[in-house]
Amino acid sequence: DWVNRECCSPFYQVLVRKDQAERKAAFAALVAGIDALEAKLASSPYLAGDSLTIVDLAYIPWAHRVLVCKVVETYRGPDFAVDMARRPRLAAWMARVFALPAVKVTLAQPEELLATYKRYADGTAQSQVAEAVRQGRAAHTA
């Protein structure tokens, strides 16, 4: 649920909303969630303790979308970039989990993933999530 509220909803708000101020507010919320993960990783190597858990597994696709494929930055510009140099613990977590063979085989190729999100960025997405965000609701409520 945390991942949905703090990552999923702001991610889609940045992509779907037309108003630049709303996009920036959503990006600030997304970055706040990323920073919360950076802080959490100060006390353990994984998001919920000393070993890989469902919490890590839930965040991996979002880390891939936002921090590796840079979906938000690609479609909304450099003002929407996440500076990973300021988040060394999260970068180390990503190196650990993305090196796992079971994770590697599940991640979409960046070009394919970017193409998937183009319809959200250009306003043509016809999903329940896109419609919820257009109506001012959080994506995780769709």
Protein backbone atom coordinates (compact mmCIF):
# COMPACT_ATOMS: atom_id res chain seq x y z
CA ASP A 1 0.00 0.00 0.00
CA TRP A 2 2.87 2.39 0.76
CA VAL A 3 4.33 1.80 -2.70
CA ASN A 4 0.96 2.55 -4.29
CA ARG A 5 0.46 5.78 -2.33
CA GLU A 6 4.01 7.11 -2.40
CA CYS A 7 5.25 5.91 -5.79
CA CYS A 8 2.45 4.79 -8.09
CA SER A 9 0.07 7.70 -7.56
CA PRO A 10 2.65 10.51 -7.83
CA PHE A 11 4.23 8.80 -10.86
CA TYR A 12 0.96 8.79 -12.78
CA GLN A 13 0.06 12.30 -11.62
CA VAL A 14 3.31 13.63 -13.09
CA LEU A 15 2.59 11.88 -16.38
CA VAL A 16 -1.16 12.44 -16.73
CA ARG A 17 -1.88 15.84 -15.20
CA LYS A 18 -1.74 18.77 -17.63
CA ASP A 19 -1.13 21.56 -15.12
CA GLN A 20 2.60 22.13 -14.56
CA ALA A 21 2.11 23.09 -10.90
CA GLU A 22 0.23 19.82 -10.29
CA ARG A 23 2.99 17.90 -12.03
CA LYS A 24 5.65 19.58 -9.89
CA ALA A 25 3.68 18.89 -6.70
CA ALA A 26 3.33 15.23 -7.68
CA PHE A 27 7.04 15.03 -8.47
CA ALA A 28 7.85 16.51 -5.05
CA ALA A 29 5.69 13.77 -3.49
CA LEU A 30 7.46 11.11 -5.56
CA VAL A 31 10.87 12.42 -4.49
CA ALA A 32 9.74 12.53 -0.85
CA GLY A 33 8.87 8.83 -1.12
CA ILE A 34 12.26 8.09 -2.68
CA ASP A 35 13.96 10.02 0.10
CA ALA A 36 11.98 8.05 2.70
CA LEU A 37 13.40 4.86 1.18
CA GLU A 38 16.91 6.32 1.28
CA ALA A 39 16.44 7.03 5.00
CA LYS A 40 14.98 3.57 5.65
CA LEU A 41 18.02 1.96 4.06
CA ALA A 42 20.27 3.61 6.66
CA SER A 43 19.30 0.90 9.13
CA SER A 44 19.08 -2.19 6.93
CA PRO A 45 20.23 -3.46 3.54
CA TYR A 46 16.67 -4.08 2.35
CA LEU A 47 13.51 -2.01 2.65
CA ALA A 48 11.98 -4.08 5.45
CA GLY A 49 15.00 -5.56 7.19
CA ASP A 50 18.02 -7.76 6.62
CA SER A 51 16.62 -9.85 3.79
CA LEU A 52 14.62 -9.40 0.60
CA THR A 53 10.88 -9.20 1.31
CA ILE A 54 7.63 -8.43 -0.46
CA VAL A 55 8.28 -4.74 0.22
CA ASP A 56 11.40 -4.83 -1.95
CA LEU A 57 9.60 -6.83 -4.61
CA ALA A 58 6.78 -4.28 -4.72
CA TYR A 59 9.19 -1.38 -5.19
CA ILE A 60 11.51 -2.96 -7.78
CA PRO A 61 9.28 -2.20 -10.80
CA TRP A 62 8.87 1.43 -9.69
CA ALA A 63 12.60 1.84 -9.17
CA HIS A 64 13.07 0.45 -12.67
CA ARG A 65 10.50 2.83 -14.19
CA VAL A 66 11.60 5.98 -12.38
CA LEU A 67 15.27 5.55 -11.58
CA VAL A 68 16.58 3.31 -14.36
CA CYS A 69 14.34 3.95 -17.37
CA LYS A 70 13.71 7.54 -16.28
CA VAL A 71 10.13 7.58 -17.54
CA VAL A 72 9.23 10.79 -15.72
CA GLU A 73 12.38 12.63 -16.77
CA THR A 74 12.01 11.46 -20.39
CA TYR A 75 8.46 12.76 -20.75
CA ARG A 76 8.56 15.79 -18.44
CA GLY A 77 12.11 17.05 -18.86
CA PRO A 78 15.22 17.62 -16.75
CA ASP A 79 13.31 19.41 -13.98
CA PHE A 80 11.83 15.98 -13.24
CA ALA A 81 15.13 14.13 -12.87
CA VAL A 82 15.97 12.21 -9.70
CA ASP A 83 19.58 12.72 -8.63
CA MET A 84 20.76 9.28 -7.54
CA ALA A 85 24.14 10.67 -6.47
CA ARG A 86 22.26 12.11 -3.48
CA ARG A 87 20.82 8.68 -2.66
CA PRO A 88 23.78 6.28 -2.30
CA ARG A 89 21.94 3.75 -0.10
CA LEU A 90 19.11 3.44 -2.60
CA ALA A 91 21.66 3.11 -5.41
CA ALA A 92 23.35 0.28 -3.47
CA TRP A 93 19.97 -1.40 -2.86
CA MET A 94 19.24 -1.18 -6.59
CA ALA A 95 22.61 -2.74 -7.42
CA ARG A 96 21.85 -5.63 -5.03
CA VAL A 97 18.31 -6.38 -6.13
CA PHE A 98 18.75 -5.71 -9.84
CA ALA A 99 21.66 -8.17 -9.88
CA LEU A 100 19.37 -11.02 -8.79
CA PRO A 101 18.68 -13.38 -11.72
CA ALA A 102 14.97 -13.62 -10.83
CA VAL A 103 14.71 -9.83 -10.99
CA LYS A 104 16.75 -9.43 -14.17
CA VAL A 105 14.43 -11.63 -16.19
CA THR A 106 11.32 -9.71 -15.15
CA LEU A 107 12.41 -6.18 -16.07
CA ALA A 108 11.20 -4.67 -19.33
CA GLN A 109 13.72 -3.23 -21.74
CA PRO A 110 13.92 0.54 -21.24
CA GLU A 111 12.84 1.40 -24.81
CA GLU A 112 9.77 -0.83 -24.53
CA LEU A 113 8.85 0.54 -21.13
CA LEU A 114 9.20 4.14 -22.30
CA ALA A 115 6.96 3.41 -25.27
CA THR A 116 4.32 1.97 -22.92
CA TYR A 117 4.15 5.19 -20.90
CA LYS A 118 4.08 7.55 -23.88
CA ARG A 119 0.27 7.34 -24.01
CA TYR A 120 0.05 8.54 -20.40
CA ALA A 121 2.39 11.43 -21.10
CA ASP A 122 0.62 12.52 -24.29
CA GLY A 123 -2.88 12.19 -22.80
CA THR A 124 -4.13 9.30 -24.93
CA ALA A 125 -4.10 6.53 -22.28
CA GLN A 126 -7.50 4.89 -21.90
CA SER A 127 -6.95 3.04 -18.63
CA GLN A 128 -8.79 3.20 -15.32
CA VAL A 129 -5.65 4.67 -13.77
CA ALA A 130 -5.41 7.45 -16.36
CA GLU A 131 -9.09 8.27 -15.99
CA ALA A 132 -8.84 8.37 -12.18
CA VAL A 133 -5.88 10.75 -12.34
CA ARG A 134 -7.64 12.96 -14.92
CA GLN A 135 -10.57 13.19 -12.52
CA GLY A 136 -8.28 14.31 -9.70
CA ARG A 137 -8.20 11.00 -7.86
CA ALA A 138 -5.09 9.10 -6.80
CA ALA A 139 -3.96 6.37 -9.18
CA HIS A 140 -4.02 3.76 -6.45
CA THR A 141 -7.78 4.30 -6.00
CA ALA A 142 -8.58 3.25 -9.59
